[in-house]
C-alpha cells in the first residue's frame, strides 16, 4: 500500500489566505465572521417563521418585500441591516430586542 501524505488544514489555509495577521487573512476572517452572523440571523428568522406556519411569501407581505428577499435573508446570502431586521422581527411579533455590549451595557434596538 502506498504511503499517504496528509496536509494539515492550518497549512492549507495559510497557503491560500496567508498567515495570521496578514491583510489577506484578516479580510478572509472578517468576511467569514460576517457570513456566519448573517447565517445565524437567517436561521433565527426561518425558525420563527416556520414556528408560526408562515410561508416566505406571507412573511414578505407582512414586511413589505418580495419572497425572494426573505429567501436571501433566511439563507444568509445578504447582510441584514438593523432597520430591515427590525421590520422582519416586528412582522414576526417580536416587538423588543436588545444588543448586549458586555461591559458597555445593553442597548434597546426597537
Foldseek 3Di string as FASTA:
>chain_A
DDDDDDDDPQVVCCVVQNDPPDPSSVVVVVVVVQLVVLQVLLCVLVVLCVVVVHQLQRLCVQLVHHSVVNVCSNRSVDRDDLVSSQSSVVSSVNNWDWDQPDVVGIDTSD
